Amino acid sequence: MLLAVDIGNSNICIGILEKDEVRFTTRMVTRPRCTADEYTAELKFLLRRLNVDPSQADGAIVCSVVPGLTRPLAEACRRLTGLEPLLVSSELDTGLTMDVDEPARVGQDRLADAAAAADRYPLPCMTVDLGTATTYNVIGVGGVFLGGFIVPGVQTSLRAISAGTAQLPPIAPETPGHLIGKNTVACLNNGAMFGTAAMLDGLADRVEKELGQPLTVVATGGLAPYIMPCCRRKVHYDADLLFHGLALLYRKNHHAVP
C-alpha cells in the first residue's frame, strides 16, 4: 500500500494506492501555518474514516507546490507510516527527458502529471490540470518534456473578477446548457467554461501544428468533466492522473529513500 500526498495551493489531496491502482482519495484544505502535529492529527482522522491503517503502508510519497508545507506533511507521513517518504523533485528518475530551461523549477505536480501521461497515453501528449492554476504540459515522442503553459485557474479567475467588480457575483461553475449567456450568472459561467474549452482546443491545435503529429489531450482536475463537453476536440479524462504519476515515481525511485 502506498500513501501519496499532493500538496496544492487550495487543497491537500491524499491517495491510497495498491498495485498502482487508486483505492481511496480524500482531501483537506491547505493551511500554510499548520504544523506537523496538526497535519498528523487531521491526516490520521481522514484515513481512519476510510478504514485505512497507515502503519500498514509499504511506502509514502509527497508532492508539493507549497514549499513551506513539504516538511510538515512529510513529517506527518513519517509519523503515521513509520517510513521516510519520498519527496518529488526533478532529480528523481521520472522516465522523462527534460527539454526546458530550468528543470528544477518545473512544478512537482506537473512532473507527476507528465510522467503518468508518458506512461499511459500515446505520445505526443498534452495534459491539462484544472486546479488553482491551469497547467498544461507537452510531452513529445520518446517521453521528452517540452514545456507547456500556465494560466489562472477557472475558480481563481472567477473569484478575481467577482472581487474586483461591484456587480458581478461569485458563482459555482457548471457545464452550460447553451452557448450564449442570457443573464449575469450565465454570462460568467459560460464565459469561464467555453473560454477555458476554447483555450484548450486552441492551444492543442497550435501544439499539434508545431509538432507536426496528432496530439493526445488528457484532462484532470475537478472541473475537467464540466469543461470537456464544451471542447470541440477529443479530450481524455483521467481523474487520478497525478496519483498514477506519483505511484510511477515511487516505483522508479523508492530505493533512493534514506
C-alpha atoms as a PDB file:
ATOM      1  CA  MET A   1       0.000   0.000   0.000  1.00  0.00           C
ATOM      2  CA  LEU A   2       1.303   3.438  -0.987  1.00  0.00           C
ATOM      3  CA  LEU A   3       0.316   6.654   0.785  1.00  0.00           C
ATOM      4  CA  ALA A   4       0.517   9.530  -1.718  1.00  0.00           C
ATOM      5  CA  VAL A   5       0.114  13.174  -0.683  1.00  0.00           C
ATOM      6  CA  ASP A   6      -0.273  16.044  -3.161  1.00  0.00           C
ATOM      7  CA  ILE A   7       0.062  19.483  -1.533  1.00  0.00           C
ATOM      8  CA  GLY A   8      -1.712  22.067  -3.676  1.00  0.00           C
ATOM      9  CA  ASN A   9      -2.368  25.742  -3.185  1.00  0.00           C
ATOM     10  CA  SER A  10      -6.031  25.224  -2.267  1.00  0.00           C
ATOM     11  CA  ASN A  11      -6.264  21.596  -1.152  1.00  0.00           C
ATOM     12  CA  ILE A  12      -4.065  18.748   0.006  1.00  0.00           C
ATOM     13  CA  CYS A  13      -5.136  15.553  -1.766  1.00  0.00           C
ATOM     14  CA  ILE A  14      -4.388  12.160  -0.251  1.00  0.00           C
ATOM     15  CA  GLY A  15      -4.457   8.927  -2.205  1.00  0.00           C
ATOM     16  CA  ILE A  16      -4.152   5.296  -1.148  1.00  0.00           C
ATOM     17  CA  LEU A  17      -2.838   3.069  -3.925  1.00  0.00           C
ATOM     18  CA  GLU A  18      -2.452  -0.693  -4.104  1.00  0.00           C
ATOM     19  CA  LYS A  19      -0.658  -2.277  -7.070  1.00  0.00           C
ATOM     20  CA  ASP A  20      -0.700   1.142  -8.772  1.00  0.00           C
ATOM     21  CA  GLU A  21      -4.494   1.318  -8.555  1.00  0.00           C
ATOM     22  CA  VAL A  22      -6.105   4.192  -6.655  1.00  0.00           C
ATOM     23  CA  ARG A  23      -8.272   2.673  -3.911  1.00  0.00           C
ATOM     24  CA  PHE A  24      -9.255   5.761  -1.931  1.00  0.00           C
ATOM     25  CA  THR A  25      -8.839   9.518  -2.189  1.00  0.00           C
ATOM     26  CA  THR A  26      -9.665  12.292   0.235  1.00  0.00           C
ATOM     27  CA  ARG A  27      -8.620  15.882   0.755  1.00  0.00           C
ATOM     28  CA  MET A  28      -8.145  18.613   3.305  1.00  0.00           C
ATOM     29  CA  VAL A  29      -7.854  22.379   2.995  1.00  0.00           C
ATOM     30  CA  THR A  30      -4.346  23.780   2.575  1.00  0.00           C
ATOM     31  CA  ARG A  31      -3.456  25.843   5.646  1.00  0.00           C
ATOM     32  CA  PRO A  32       0.090  27.205   5.305  1.00  0.00           C
ATOM     33  CA  ARG A  33       0.601  27.827   9.029  1.00  0.00           C
ATOM     34  CA  CYS A  34      -0.372  24.364  10.223  1.00  0.00           C
ATOM     35  CA  THR A  35       2.296  22.331  11.996  1.00  0.00           C
ATOM     36  CA  ALA A  36       3.326  18.716  11.577  1.00  0.00           C
ATOM     37  CA  ASP A  37       1.381  17.922  14.768  1.00  0.00           C
ATOM     38  CA  GLU A  38      -1.831  19.388  13.338  1.00  0.00           C
ATOM     39  CA  TYR A  39      -1.469  17.701   9.974  1.00  0.00           C
ATOM     40  CA  THR A  40      -0.639  14.384  11.609  1.00  0.00           C
ATOM     41  CA  ALA A  41      -3.889  14.533  13.580  1.00  0.00           C
ATOM     42  CA  GLU A  42      -6.001  15.570  10.591  1.00  0.00           C
ATOM     43  CA  LEU A  43      -4.449  13.018   8.262  1.00  0.00           C
ATOM     44  CA  LYS A  44      -4.953  10.282  10.844  1.00  0.00           C
ATOM     45  CA  PHE A  45      -8.616  11.263  11.226  1.00  0.00           C
ATOM     46  CA  LEU A  46      -9.258  11.255   7.459  1.00  0.00           C
ATOM     47  CA  LEU A  47      -7.565   7.894   6.962  1.00  0.00           C
ATOM     48  CA  ARG A  48      -9.491   6.380   9.874  1.00  0.00           C
ATOM     49  CA  ARG A  49     -12.747   7.409   8.156  1.00  0.00           C
ATOM     50  CA  LEU A  50     -11.596   5.400   5.125  1.00  0.00           C
ATOM     51  CA  ASN A  51     -10.727   2.427   7.359  1.00  0.00           C
ATOM     52  CA  VAL A  52      -7.098   2.781   6.302  1.00  0.00           C
ATOM     53  CA  ASP A  53      -4.315   1.923   8.738  1.00  0.00           C
ATOM     54  CA  PRO A  54      -1.318   3.998   7.608  1.00  0.00           C
ATOM     55  CA  SER A  55       1.059   1.845   9.640  1.00  0.00           C
ATOM     56  CA  GLN A  56       0.421  -0.894   7.057  1.00  0.00           C
ATOM     57  CA  ALA A  57       1.789   1.235   4.219  1.00  0.00           C
ATOM     58  CA  ASP A  58       4.773  -0.066   2.287  1.00  0.00           C
ATOM     59  CA  GLY A  59       5.765   3.412   1.166  1.00  0.00           C
ATOM     60  CA  ALA A  60       4.858   7.100   1.087  1.00  0.00           C
ATOM     61  CA  ILE A  61       5.450   9.898  -1.403  1.00  0.00           C
ATOM     62  CA  VAL A  62       4.876  13.653  -1.098  1.00  0.00           C
ATOM     63  CA  CYS A  63       4.398  16.073  -3.988  1.00  0.00           C
ATOM     64  CA  SER A  64       4.192  19.780  -3.177  1.00  0.00           C
ATOM     65  CA  VAL A  65       3.779  23.182  -4.819  1.00  0.00           C
ATOM     66  CA  VAL A  66       3.739  24.856  -1.378  1.00  0.00           C
ATOM     67  CA  PRO A  67       7.371  24.590  -0.215  1.00  0.00           C
ATOM     68  CA  GLY A  68       6.608  25.675   3.345  1.00  0.00           C
ATOM     69  CA  LEU A  69       4.327  22.681   3.852  1.00  0.00           C
ATOM     70  CA  THR A  70       6.545  19.994   2.351  1.00  0.00           C
ATOM     71  CA  ARG A  71       8.398  19.210   5.570  1.00  0.00           C
ATOM     72  CA  PRO A  72       5.354  19.309   7.908  1.00  0.00           C
ATOM     73  CA  LEU A  73       3.420  16.903   5.666  1.00  0.00           C
ATOM     74  CA  ALA A  74       6.458  14.683   5.145  1.00  0.00           C
ATOM     75  CA  GLU A  75       6.870  14.514   8.920  1.00  0.00           C
ATOM     76  CA  ALA A  76       3.175  13.681   9.319  1.00  0.00           C
ATOM     77  CA  CYS A  77       3.560  10.826   6.827  1.00  0.00           C
ATOM     78  CA  ARG A  78       6.667   9.574   8.634  1.00  0.00           C
ATOM     79  CA  ARG A  79       4.883   9.534  11.989  1.00  0.00           C
ATOM     80  CA  LEU A  80       1.846   7.696  10.631  1.00  0.00           C
ATOM     81  CA  THR A  81       3.635   5.129   8.467  1.00  0.00           C
ATOM     82  CA  GLY A  82       6.957   4.778  10.261  1.00  0.00           C
ATOM     83  CA  LEU A  83       8.583   5.278   6.853  1.00  0.00           C
ATOM     84  CA  GLU A  84      10.591   8.115   5.337  1.00  0.00           C
ATOM     85  CA  PRO A  85       8.504   9.500   2.440  1.00  0.00           C
ATOM     86  CA  LEU A  86       9.957  10.058  -0.997  1.00  0.00           C
ATOM     87  CA  LEU A  87       9.878  13.759  -1.935  1.00  0.00           C
ATOM     88  CA  VAL A  88       9.165  14.547  -5.575  1.00  0.00           C
ATOM     89  CA  SER A  89      11.788  16.601  -7.392  1.00  0.00           C
ATOM     90  CA  SER A  90      13.271  16.967 -10.859  1.00  0.00           C
ATOM     91  CA  GLU A  91      16.271  14.957  -9.642  1.00  0.00           C
ATOM     92  CA  LEU A  92      14.199  11.762  -9.488  1.00  0.00           C
ATOM     93  CA  ASP A  93      14.008   9.257 -12.293  1.00  0.00           C
ATOM     94  CA  THR A  94      10.758  10.382 -13.939  1.00  0.00           C
ATOM     95  CA  GLY A  95      11.119   8.456 -17.172  1.00  0.00           C
ATOM     96  CA  LEU A  96      11.164  11.851 -18.914  1.00  0.00           C
ATOM     97  CA  THR A  97      13.895  13.731 -20.735  1.00  0.00           C
ATOM     98  CA  MET A  98      13.668  17.363 -19.670  1.00  0.00           C
ATOM     99  CA  ASP A  99      13.953  19.804 -22.586  1.00  0.00           C
ATOM    100  CA  VAL A 100      13.283  23.019 -20.637  1.00  0.00           C
ATOM    101  CA  ASP A 101      15.463  25.882 -19.414  1.00  0.00           C
ATOM    102  CA  GLU A 102      15.222  25.154 -15.674  1.00  0.00           C
ATOM    103  CA  PRO A 103      14.063  21.608 -14.867  1.00  0.00           C
ATOM    104  CA  ALA A 104      14.330  22.246 -11.121  1.00  0.00           C
ATOM    105  CA  ARG A 105      11.661  24.968 -11.370  1.00  0.00           C
ATOM    106  CA  VAL A 106       9.036  22.770 -13.016  1.00  0.00           C
ATOM    107  CA  GLY A 107       6.190  22.211 -10.549  1.00  0.00           C
ATOM    108  CA  GLN A 108       6.206  18.831  -8.862  1.00  0.00           C
ATOM    109  CA  ASP A 109       2.562  18.301  -9.788  1.00  0.00           C
ATOM    110  CA  ARG A 110       3.458  18.922 -13.431  1.00  0.00           C
ATOM    111  CA  LEU A 111       6.225  16.338 -13.223  1.00  0.00           C
ATOM    112  CA  ALA A 112       3.808  13.745 -11.835  1.00  0.00           C
ATOM    113  CA  ASP A 113       1.146  14.517 -14.465  1.00  0.00           C
ATOM    114  CA  ALA A 114       3.687  14.359 -17.292  1.00  0.00           C
ATOM    115  CA  ALA A 115       5.288  11.134 -16.064  1.00  0.00           C
ATOM    116  CA  ALA A 116       1.881   9.449 -15.865  1.00  0.00           C
ATOM    117  CA  ALA A 117       0.835  10.706 -19.294  1.00  0.00           C
ATOM    118  CA  ALA A 118       4.036   9.455 -20.922  1.00  0.00           C
ATOM    119  CA  ASP A 119       3.457   6.055 -19.330  1.00  0.00           C
ATOM    120  CA  ARG A 120      -0.276   5.713 -20.021  1.00  0.00           C
ATOM    121  CA  TYR A 121      -1.109   7.556 -23.274  1.00  0.00           C
ATOM    122  CA  PRO A 122       0.088   7.786 -26.882  1.00  0.00           C
ATOM    123  CA  LEU A 123       2.715  10.458 -27.470  1.00  0.00           C
ATOM    124  CA  PRO A 124       2.919  13.300 -28.214  1.00  0.00           C
ATOM    125  CA  CYS A 125       0.525  14.278 -25.460  1.00  0.00           C
ATOM    126  CA  MET A 126      -0.692  17.443 -23.770  1.00  0.00           C
ATOM    127  CA  THR A 127      -2.006  17.254 -20.215  1.00  0.00           C
ATOM    128  CA  VAL A 128      -4.336  19.867 -18.746  1.00  0.00           C
ATOM    129  CA  ASP A 129      -4.645  20.065 -14.958  1.00  0.00           C
ATOM    130  CA  LEU A 130      -7.515  22.341 -13.920  1.00  0.00           C
ATOM    131  CA  GLY A 131      -6.576  23.473 -10.420  1.00  0.00           C
ATOM    132  CA  THR A 132      -5.907  26.806  -8.693  1.00  0.00           C
ATOM    133  CA  ALA A 133      -3.751  27.385 -11.759  1.00  0.00           C
ATOM    134  CA  THR A 134      -4.485  25.619 -15.033  1.00  0.00           C
ATOM    135  CA  THR A 135      -1.261  23.920 -16.072  1.00  0.00           C
ATOM    136  CA  TYR A 136      -0.525  22.427 -19.468  1.00  0.00           C
ATOM    137  CA  ASN A 137       2.345  20.012 -20.121  1.00  0.00           C
ATOM    138  CA  VAL A 138       3.539  18.933 -23.549  1.00  0.00           C
ATOM    139  CA  ILE A 139       5.326  15.581 -23.764  1.00  0.00           C
ATOM    140  CA  GLY A 140       6.925  14.668 -27.065  1.00  0.00           C
ATOM    141  CA  VAL A 141       7.656  11.300 -28.627  1.00  0.00           C
ATOM    142  CA  GLY A 142      10.138   9.346 -26.544  1.00  0.00           C
ATOM    143  CA  GLY A 143       8.970  10.972 -23.302  1.00  0.00           C
ATOM    144  CA  VAL A 144      10.587  14.361 -23.888  1.00  0.00           C
ATOM    145  CA  PHE A 145       9.119  17.032 -21.583  1.00  0.00           C
ATOM    146  CA  LEU A 146       8.909  20.036 -23.898  1.00  0.00           C
ATOM    147  CA  GLY A 147       7.360  22.553 -21.506  1.00  0.00           C
ATOM    148  CA  GLY A 148       3.837  23.919 -21.599  1.00  0.00           C
ATOM    149  CA  PHE A 149       1.622  26.737 -20.392  1.00  0.00           C
ATOM    150  CA  ILE A 150       0.360  28.118 -17.070  1.00  0.00           C
ATOM    151  CA  VAL A 151      -2.743  30.306 -16.794  1.00  0.00           C
ATOM    152  CA  PRO A 152      -5.030  31.330 -13.912  1.00  0.00           C
ATOM    153  CA  GLY A 153      -7.416  28.579 -12.894  1.00  0.00           C
ATOM    154  CA  VAL A 154     -11.145  28.814 -13.593  1.00  0.00           C
ATOM    155  CA  GLN A 155     -12.121  29.363  -9.952  1.00  0.00           C
ATOM    156  CA  THR A 156      -9.210  31.748  -9.447  1.00  0.00           C
ATOM    157  CA  SER A 157     -10.342  33.876 -12.391  1.00  0.00           C
ATOM    158  CA  LEU A 158     -13.977  33.871 -11.274  1.00  0.00           C
ATOM    159  CA  ARG A 159     -13.034  34.907  -7.733  1.00  0.00           C
ATOM    160  CA  ALA A 160     -10.820  37.679  -9.070  1.00  0.00           C
ATOM    161  CA  ILE A 161     -13.496  39.153 -11.326  1.00  0.00           C
ATOM    162  CA  SER A 162     -16.093  38.986  -8.546  1.00  0.00           C
ATOM    163  CA  ALA A 163     -13.767  40.634  -6.019  1.00  0.00           C
ATOM    164  CA  GLY A 164     -12.693  43.329  -8.473  1.00  0.00           C
ATOM    165  CA  THR A 165     -16.135  44.418  -9.653  1.00  0.00           C
ATOM    166  CA  ALA A 166     -19.188  45.895  -7.964  1.00  0.00           C
ATOM    167  CA  GLN A 167     -21.947  43.938  -9.698  1.00  0.00           C
ATOM    168  CA  LEU A 168     -20.553  40.549 -10.676  1.00  0.00           C
ATOM    169  CA  PRO A 169     -21.419  37.882  -8.084  1.00  0.00           C
ATOM    170  CA  PRO A 170     -19.388  34.820  -7.048  1.00  0.00           C
ATOM    171  CA  ILE A 171     -20.656  31.694  -8.805  1.00  0.00           C
ATOM    172  CA  ALA A 172     -20.136  27.937  -8.746  1.00  0.00           C
ATOM    173  CA  PRO A 173     -19.248  26.931 -12.330  1.00  0.00           C
ATOM    174  CA  GLU A 174     -21.108  24.141 -14.092  1.00  0.00           C
ATOM    175  CA  THR A 175     -21.481  22.770 -17.610  1.00  0.00           C
ATOM    176  CA  PRO A 176     -23.580  25.263 -19.623  1.00  0.00           C
ATOM    177  CA  GLY A 177     -26.786  24.156 -21.318  1.00  0.00           C
ATOM    178  CA  HIS A 178     -26.236  26.566 -24.215  1.00  0.00           C
ATOM    179  CA  LEU A 179     -23.539  28.875 -25.530  1.00  0.00           C
ATOM    180  CA  ILE A 180     -24.728  32.466 -25.095  1.00  0.00           C
ATOM    181  CA  GLY A 181     -25.473  33.609 -21.551  1.00  0.00           C
ATOM    182  CA  LYS A 182     -28.876  35.229 -21.005  1.00  0.00           C
ATOM    183  CA  ASN A 183     -28.220  36.652 -17.537  1.00  0.00           C
ATOM    184  CA  THR A 184     -25.240  37.742 -15.451  1.00  0.00           C
ATOM    185  CA  VAL A 185     -24.647  34.380 -13.791  1.00  0.00           C
ATOM    186  CA  ALA A 186     -24.921  32.523 -17.095  1.00  0.00           C
ATOM    187  CA  CYS A 187     -22.614  35.037 -18.780  1.00  0.00           C
ATOM    188  CA  LEU A 188     -19.971  34.483 -16.099  1.00  0.00           C
ATOM    189  CA  ASN A 189     -20.371  30.719 -16.138  1.00  0.00           C
ATOM    190  CA  ASN A 190     -20.445  30.327 -19.916  1.00  0.00           C
ATOM    191  CA  GLY A 191     -17.523  32.669 -20.349  1.00  0.00           C
ATOM    192  CA  ALA A 192     -15.449  30.630 -17.914  1.00  0.00           C
ATOM    193  CA  MET A 193     -16.477  27.213 -19.263  1.00  0.00           C
ATOM    194  CA  PHE A 194     -16.448  27.898 -23.012  1.00  0.00           C
ATOM    195  CA  GLY A 195     -13.495  30.262 -22.678  1.00  0.00           C
ATOM    196  CA  THR A 196     -11.414  27.583 -20.977  1.00  0.00           C
ATOM    197  CA  ALA A 197     -12.550  24.983 -23.513  1.00  0.00           C
ATOM    198  CA  ALA A 198     -11.698  27.282 -26.412  1.00  0.00           C
ATOM    199  CA  MET A 199      -8.257  27.932 -24.932  1.00  0.00           C
ATOM    200  CA  LEU A 200      -7.697  24.198 -24.508  1.00  0.00           C
ATOM    201  CA  ASP A 201      -8.791  23.499 -28.085  1.00  0.00           C
ATOM    202  CA  GLY A 202      -6.746  26.380 -29.456  1.00  0.00           C
ATOM    203  CA  LEU A 203      -3.550  25.510 -27.620  1.00  0.00           C
ATOM    204  CA  ALA A 204      -3.896  21.848 -28.589  1.00  0.00           C
ATOM    205  CA  ASP A 205      -4.343  22.813 -32.254  1.00  0.00           C
ATOM    206  CA  ARG A 206      -1.255  25.034 -32.177  1.00  0.00           C
ATOM    207  CA  VAL A 207       0.880  22.451 -30.373  1.00  0.00           C
ATOM    208  CA  GLU A 208      -0.247  19.790 -32.826  1.00  0.00           C
ATOM    209  CA  LYS A 209       0.687  22.040 -35.744  1.00  0.00           C
ATOM    210  CA  GLU A 210       4.088  22.868 -34.252  1.00  0.00           C
ATOM    211  CA  LEU A 211       4.918  19.221 -33.563  1.00  0.00           C
ATOM    212  CA  GLY A 212       3.522  18.052 -36.882  1.00  0.00           C
ATOM    213  CA  GLN A 213       1.906  14.996 -35.317  1.00  0.00           C
ATOM    214  CA  PRO A 214      -1.529  14.046 -33.947  1.00  0.00           C
ATOM    215  CA  LEU A 215      -1.759  15.109 -30.307  1.00  0.00           C
ATOM    216  CA  THR A 216      -3.358  13.186 -27.440  1.00  0.00           C
ATOM    217  CA  VAL A 217      -5.035  15.519 -24.918  1.00  0.00           C
ATOM    218  CA  VAL A 218      -5.621  14.395 -21.322  1.00  0.00           C
ATOM    219  CA  ALA A 219      -7.504  16.492 -18.766  1.00  0.00           C
ATOM    220  CA  THR A 220      -7.536  16.094 -14.993  1.00  0.00           C
ATOM    221  CA  GLY A 221      -8.790  18.124 -12.044  1.00  0.00           C
ATOM    222  CA  GLY A 222     -12.227  18.596 -10.523  1.00  0.00           C
ATOM    223  CA  LEU A 223     -13.569  20.966 -13.196  1.00  0.00           C
ATOM    224  CA  ALA A 224     -12.452  18.868 -16.159  1.00  0.00           C
ATOM    225  CA  PRO A 225     -15.768  16.952 -16.507  1.00  0.00           C
ATOM    226  CA  TYR A 226     -17.642  20.275 -16.675  1.00  0.00           C
ATOM    227  CA  ILE A 227     -15.372  21.761 -19.337  1.00  0.00           C
ATOM    228  CA  MET A 228     -14.812  18.732 -21.568  1.00  0.00           C
ATOM    229  CA  PRO A 229     -18.372  18.832 -23.019  1.00  0.00           C
ATOM    230  CA  CYS A 230     -17.593  22.372 -24.201  1.00  0.00           C
ATOM    231  CA  CYS A 231     -14.481  21.259 -26.120  1.00  0.00           C
ATOM    232  CA  ARG A 232     -14.526  20.586 -29.848  1.00  0.00           C
ATOM    233  CA  ARG A 233     -11.735  18.049 -29.905  1.00  0.00           C
ATOM    234  CA  LYS A 234     -11.453  14.697 -28.148  1.00  0.00           C
ATOM    235  CA  VAL A 235     -10.152  15.012 -24.597  1.00  0.00           C
ATOM    236  CA  HIS A 236      -9.426  12.013 -22.351  1.00  0.00           C
ATOM    237  CA  TYR A 237     -10.426  12.446 -18.713  1.00  0.00           C
ATOM    238  CA  ASP A 238      -8.134  10.929 -16.077  1.00  0.00           C
ATOM    239  CA  ALA A 239      -9.249  11.902 -12.583  1.00  0.00           C
ATOM    240  CA  ASP A 240      -6.284  10.154 -10.956  1.00  0.00           C
ATOM    241  CA  LEU A 241      -3.560  11.162 -13.403  1.00  0.00           C
ATOM    242  CA  LEU A 242      -1.403  12.764 -10.725  1.00  0.00           C
ATOM    243  CA  PHE A 243      -1.722   9.836  -8.317  1.00  0.00           C
ATOM    244  CA  HIS A 244      -0.788   7.433 -11.113  1.00  0.00           C
ATOM    245  CA  GLY A 245       2.248   9.621 -11.685  1.00  0.00           C
ATOM    246  CA  LEU A 246       3.181   9.540  -8.008  1.00  0.00           C
ATOM    247  CA  ALA A 247       2.889   5.741  -7.971  1.00  0.00           C
ATOM    248  CA  LEU A 248       5.147   5.573 -11.024  1.00  0.00           C
ATOM    249  CA  LEU A 249       7.719   7.916  -9.456  1.00  0.00           C
ATOM    250  CA  TYR A 250       7.713   5.909  -6.242  1.00  0.00           C
ATOM    251  CA  ARG A 251       8.171   2.650  -8.124  1.00  0.00           C
ATOM    252  CA  LYS A 252      11.149   4.083 -10.025  1.00  0.00           C
ATOM    253  CA  ASN A 253      12.803   5.778  -7.045  1.00  0.00           C
ATOM    254  CA  HIS A 254      11.858   4.157  -3.729  1.00  0.00           C
ATOM    255  CA  HIS A 255      15.306   2.605  -3.460  1.00  0.00           C
ATOM    256  CA  ALA A 256      16.722   6.138  -3.058  1.00  0.00           C
ATOM    257  CA  VAL A 257      14.749   6.849   0.149  1.00  0.00           C
ATOM    258  CA  PRO A 258      17.128   7.019   3.169  1.00  0.00           C
END
